[in-house]
Amino acid sequence: MLRSVHDRAELAALLRKDPALHAYQLGDLDDFFWPFTTWYAHGETVALIYHGQPTPTLLAFGADEPLRDLLTRLVPLLPRTVYAHLSPGAGVALAPAYTRTHDGGPHHKMALAGAPVGPAEGEPLGPADLGELEDLYAAAYPGNWFDRRMLETGQYVGLRRAGRLVAVAGVHVWSPVYRVSAIGNVTTDPAHRGQGLAQRVTAALCHRLRETTDVVTLNVKADNAPAVAAYTRIGFRIIGGYEEAAYVSAGAERSRA
């Protein structure tokens, strides 16, 4: 039976069975994100709908059959439009009620296996660095998802050359309460690429995150071979996969026709 779940302790117990796979969901149990979340469970499989963005995001990962069963039951409760992060192949459970309108492609979930390896360089960034950071993202990573509030965590690390910010690594999730973190918003100024700066600044952030979290993770597109190689050199290992895609209810599609 599909259940709406409102008990953070119950959700944490289910998600902690695989904290690396569910790092984003564990992070969303924090007070910072919790008000924007809706949770469902079917057996031991959990689905999260995050409402903090203009398009709600659905996150659901797990074994094939239980996950598809959950999603089939969840379909009548989903928003008309949703951006989904689902275990590979699970999206078929949303059809025919939902149409896949955008394919974000396959992604790897990676987790740090022990202490970070290799050179590490960078300094903590904070709210005072926002303008410089936004300029770097505009030049090097346009269209990325960046929540400026995350700068207040102190878990963004930047690397400068000649006083100018040229590389950065930050977090999408940082939860000392649930002891998980997820690295994101990693980029290097185009004029400084090919020097290993992203690897250095990410390694520096990993050292910092290990002071407050036990599980350090990240998501990366499966076809981004240079990034996967750099993260592997630091000590990350692939622990799972998922697919990103946008879905629109078939009724909404017909109403626009």
Protein backbone atom coordinates (compact mmCIF):
# COMPACT_ATOMS: atom_id res chain seq x y z
CA MET A 1 0.00 0.00 0.00
CA LEU A 2 1.26 3.49 -0.88
CA ARG A 3 1.55 5.71 2.19
CA SER A 4 2.11 9.42 2.67
CA VAL A 5 4.91 9.69 5.24
CA HIS A 6 5.43 12.68 7.55
CA ASP A 7 7.79 11.16 10.12
CA ARG A 8 11.40 12.21 9.49
CA ALA A 9 12.76 9.47 11.74
CA GLU A 10 10.90 6.79 9.74
CA LEU A 11 12.14 8.22 6.45
CA ALA A 12 15.71 8.48 7.72
CA ALA A 13 15.66 4.85 8.82
CA LEU A 14 14.56 3.73 5.35
CA LEU A 15 16.97 5.99 3.45
CA ARG A 16 19.97 5.19 5.66
CA LYS A 17 19.91 1.61 4.39
CA ASP A 18 21.82 3.01 1.41
CA PRO A 19 22.93 6.56 2.36
CA ALA A 20 25.11 7.07 -0.71
CA LEU A 21 22.28 6.24 -3.10
CA HIS A 22 19.83 8.38 -1.12
CA ALA A 23 22.10 11.28 -0.10
CA TYR A 24 19.92 13.94 -1.75
CA GLN A 25 16.80 12.61 -0.08
CA LEU A 26 18.49 12.41 3.32
CA GLY A 27 19.64 16.00 2.89
CA ASP A 28 16.09 17.08 2.14
CA LEU A 29 15.06 15.92 5.60
CA ASP A 30 16.92 18.94 7.00
CA ASP A 31 14.92 21.96 8.14
CA PHE A 32 16.42 23.89 5.22
CA PHE A 33 14.53 21.78 2.61
CA TRP A 34 11.88 19.88 4.60
CA PRO A 35 9.05 22.44 4.11
CA PHE A 36 9.29 21.96 0.34
CA THR A 37 8.99 18.17 0.41
CA THR A 38 6.26 15.54 0.08
CA TRP A 39 7.12 11.92 0.84
CA TYR A 40 5.60 8.56 -0.04
CA ALA A 41 6.58 5.00 0.77
CA HIS A 42 5.53 1.61 -0.52
CA GLY A 43 7.09 -1.12 1.54
CA GLU A 44 10.68 0.03 2.03
CA THR A 45 10.84 2.05 -1.21
CA VAL A 46 10.63 5.83 -0.86
CA ALA A 47 9.66 8.61 -3.27
CA LEU A 48 10.25 12.32 -2.70
CA ILE A 49 8.57 15.20 -4.52
CA TYR A 50 10.55 18.39 -3.98
CA HIS A 51 8.54 21.59 -4.55
CA GLY A 52 11.32 24.14 -4.10
CA GLN A 53 11.71 24.80 -7.83
CA PRO A 54 9.20 26.06 -10.44
CA THR A 55 8.93 22.49 -11.75
CA PRO A 56 8.59 19.92 -8.95
CA THR A 57 11.29 17.25 -8.85
CA LEU A 58 10.58 13.57 -8.24
CA LEU A 59 13.37 11.45 -6.73
CA ALA A 60 12.93 7.68 -6.42
CA PHE A 61 15.65 5.03 -6.44
CA GLY A 62 15.70 1.34 -5.68
CA ALA A 63 15.24 -2.18 -6.94
CA ASP A 64 13.38 -2.44 -10.23
CA GLU A 65 10.12 -4.20 -9.34
CA PRO A 66 9.37 -2.46 -5.99
CA LEU A 67 10.22 0.94 -7.50
CA ARG A 68 7.99 0.47 -10.53
CA ASP A 69 5.19 -0.69 -8.24
CA LEU A 70 5.56 2.46 -6.14
CA LEU A 71 5.60 4.74 -9.19
CA THR A 72 2.52 3.09 -10.70
CA ARG A 73 0.62 3.77 -7.48
CA LEU A 74 2.01 7.31 -7.27
CA VAL A 75 0.92 8.41 -10.75
CA PRO A 76 -2.52 9.80 -9.69
CA LEU A 77 -0.81 12.01 -7.06
CA LEU A 78 1.91 13.52 -9.24
CA PRO A 79 1.92 17.16 -10.41
CA ARG A 80 0.93 17.78 -14.03
CA THR A 81 4.57 18.45 -14.88
CA VAL A 82 7.50 16.89 -13.05
CA TYR A 83 11.25 16.58 -13.52
CA ALA A 84 12.27 13.09 -12.44
CA HIS A 85 15.44 11.48 -11.15
CA LEU A 86 14.69 7.75 -11.32
CA SER A 87 16.64 4.52 -11.28
CA PRO A 88 17.36 3.31 -14.84
CA GLY A 89 14.25 2.07 -16.63
CA ALA A 90 11.83 3.03 -13.87
CA GLY A 91 10.27 5.85 -15.88
CA VAL A 92 8.22 3.38 -17.94
CA ALA A 93 5.96 3.02 -14.89
CA LEU A 94 4.70 6.58 -15.49
CA ALA A 95 3.33 5.72 -18.95
CA PRO A 96 0.79 6.07 -20.46
CA ALA A 97 -0.43 8.65 -17.92
CA TYR A 98 2.72 10.75 -18.42
CA THR A 99 4.65 11.63 -21.57
CA ARG A 100 8.43 12.01 -21.49
CA THR A 101 9.10 15.45 -22.98
CA HIS A 102 12.80 15.99 -22.22
CA ASP A 103 15.59 13.50 -21.73
CA GLY A 104 18.39 14.60 -19.41
CA GLY A 105 20.24 11.37 -20.02
CA PRO A 106 21.85 8.75 -17.81
CA HIS A 107 23.88 9.82 -14.78
CA HIS A 108 26.27 8.12 -12.40
CA LYS A 109 25.99 8.36 -8.65
CA MET A 110 29.48 8.38 -7.16
CA ALA A 111 30.65 8.18 -3.55
CA LEU A 112 34.02 8.96 -2.00
CA ALA A 113 35.78 5.79 -0.84
CA GLY A 114 38.01 6.94 2.02
CA ALA A 115 40.22 10.01 2.19
CA PRO A 116 40.54 12.10 -0.98
CA VAL A 117 43.63 11.42 -3.05
CA GLY A 118 45.90 13.85 -4.88
CA PRO A 119 46.53 17.60 -4.78
CA ALA A 120 43.99 19.80 -3.02
CA GLU A 121 43.82 23.57 -3.25
CA GLY A 122 41.25 26.23 -2.47
CA GLU A 123 39.76 28.57 0.11
CA PRO A 124 36.25 28.68 1.64
CA LEU A 125 33.76 31.01 -0.03
CA GLY A 126 30.86 32.78 1.62
CA PRO A 127 28.03 35.22 0.86
CA ALA A 128 30.54 38.05 0.28
CA ASP A 129 31.82 36.11 -2.75
CA LEU A 130 28.38 35.78 -4.38
CA GLY A 131 28.89 38.35 -7.14
CA GLU A 132 32.22 36.90 -8.21
CA LEU A 133 30.82 33.38 -8.10
CA GLU A 134 27.78 34.26 -10.22
CA ASP A 135 30.10 35.87 -12.78
CA LEU A 136 32.12 32.64 -12.94
CA TYR A 137 28.99 30.52 -13.41
CA ALA A 138 27.70 32.85 -16.12
CA ALA A 139 30.95 32.42 -18.04
CA ALA A 140 31.73 28.78 -17.32
CA TYR A 141 28.51 26.99 -16.31
CA PRO A 142 25.42 28.82 -17.63
CA GLY A 143 22.12 27.24 -16.74
CA ASN A 144 23.42 25.32 -13.72
CA TRP A 145 21.25 24.89 -10.65
CA PHE A 146 22.71 27.15 -7.98
CA ASP A 147 20.91 28.04 -4.76
CA ARG A 148 22.72 31.07 -3.37
CA ARG A 149 21.58 30.14 0.14
CA MET A 150 24.02 27.22 0.05
CA LEU A 151 26.91 29.69 0.22
CA GLU A 152 25.87 30.28 3.83
CA THR A 153 26.86 26.70 4.69
CA GLY A 154 30.55 27.52 4.27
CA GLN A 155 30.87 24.44 2.07
CA TYR A 156 31.88 26.18 -1.15
CA VAL A 157 35.58 26.22 -2.00
CA GLY A 158 37.14 28.47 -4.61
CA LEU A 159 40.53 28.65 -6.26
CA ARG A 160 42.03 31.93 -7.38
CA ARG A 161 44.75 32.87 -9.83
CA ALA A 162 46.13 36.43 -9.74
CA GLY A 163 43.35 37.29 -7.29
CA ARG A 164 40.59 36.15 -9.64
CA LEU A 165 38.17 33.28 -8.93
CA VAL A 166 38.80 30.67 -11.64
CA ALA A 167 37.47 27.39 -10.20
CA VAL A 168 34.87 26.37 -7.66
CA ALA A 169 33.32 23.32 -6.06
CA GLY A 170 30.20 23.54 -3.92
CA VAL A 171 27.39 21.47 -2.47
CA HIS A 172 23.81 20.64 -3.31
CA VAL A 173 23.48 18.79 0.00
CA TRP A 174 25.28 19.31 3.29
CA SER A 175 23.68 17.67 6.30
CA PRO A 176 25.73 17.25 9.46
CA VAL A 177 22.51 15.96 11.06
CA TYR A 178 22.21 13.01 8.67
CA ARG A 179 25.97 12.92 7.99
CA VAL A 180 25.67 13.14 4.18
CA SER A 181 26.82 15.62 1.55
CA ALA A 182 26.52 15.91 -2.21
CA ILE A 183 29.00 17.95 -4.23
CA GLY A 184 27.73 20.12 -7.08
CA ASN A 185 28.26 23.34 -9.03
CA VAL A 186 31.83 22.36 -9.94
CA THR A 187 33.32 24.40 -12.76
CA THR A 188 36.48 26.07 -14.07
CA ASP A 189 36.85 29.28 -16.04
CA PRO A 190 37.25 28.32 -19.74
CA ALA A 191 40.58 30.16 -19.92
CA HIS A 192 42.02 27.98 -17.14
CA ARG A 193 40.80 24.54 -18.15
CA GLY A 194 43.12 21.64 -18.76
CA GLN A 195 45.20 22.35 -15.64
CA GLY A 196 43.41 20.04 -13.21
CA LEU A 197 41.96 22.94 -11.20
CA ALA A 198 38.49 21.42 -10.84
CA GLN A 199 40.07 18.26 -9.45
CA ARG A 200 42.17 20.26 -6.98
CA VAL A 201 39.29 22.38 -5.70
CA THR A 202 36.97 19.37 -5.45
CA ALA A 203 39.59 17.47 -3.44
CA ALA A 204 39.92 20.46 -1.10
CA LEU A 205 36.14 20.50 -0.60
CA CYS A 206 36.16 16.75 0.10
CA HIS A 207 38.67 17.25 2.91
CA ARG A 208 36.38 19.90 4.35
CA LEU A 209 33.20 17.82 4.03
CA ARG A 210 34.75 14.81 5.74
CA GLU A 211 35.00 16.88 8.92
CA THR A 212 31.21 16.97 9.26
CA THR A 213 29.78 14.16 7.07
CA ASP A 214 30.47 10.45 6.71
CA VAL A 215 29.14 10.03 3.16
CA VAL A 216 30.38 12.35 0.40
CA THR A 217 28.64 11.87 -2.94
CA LEU A 218 28.08 13.52 -6.30
CA ASN A 219 26.07 13.07 -9.47
CA VAL A 220 27.68 13.30 -12.90
CA LYS A 221 26.47 12.73 -16.44
CA ALA A 222 27.53 9.27 -17.59
CA ASP A 223 28.91 10.64 -20.87
CA ASN A 224 31.10 13.27 -19.15
CA ALA A 225 34.22 11.11 -19.30
CA PRO A 226 36.71 13.83 -18.21
CA ALA A 227 34.69 14.62 -15.07
CA VAL A 228 34.21 10.94 -14.23
CA ALA A 229 37.97 10.40 -14.62
CA ALA A 230 38.82 13.39 -12.43
CA TYR A 231 36.45 12.30 -9.67
CA THR A 232 37.82 8.76 -9.87
CA ARG A 233 41.35 10.08 -9.37
CA ILE A 234 40.18 11.83 -6.19
CA GLY A 235 38.79 8.55 -4.89
CA PHE A 236 35.14 8.49 -5.95
CA ARG A 237 33.59 5.23 -7.12
CA ILE A 238 30.38 4.65 -9.09
CA ILE A 239 27.78 3.23 -6.73
CA GLY A 240 24.67 3.47 -8.91
CA GLY A 241 22.95 5.17 -11.78
CA TYR A 242 19.82 7.11 -12.56
CA GLU A 243 18.09 8.87 -15.43
CA GLU A 244 16.87 12.46 -15.56
CA ALA A 245 13.80 13.32 -17.61
CA ALA A 246 10.87 15.72 -17.71
CA TYR A 247 7.34 14.30 -17.78
CA VAL A 248 4.02 15.93 -18.55
CA SER A 249 0.64 14.36 -17.84
CA ALA A 250 -1.06 13.11 -20.97
CA GLY A 251 -4.12 15.17 -20.06
CA ALA A 252 -2.05 18.35 -19.94
CA GLU A 253 -0.49 17.48 -23.31
CA ARG A 254 -3.93 16.99 -24.88
CA SER A 255 -5.23 20.27 -23.45
CA ARG A 256 -2.44 22.13 -25.28
CA ALA A 257 -3.11 20.34 -28.58
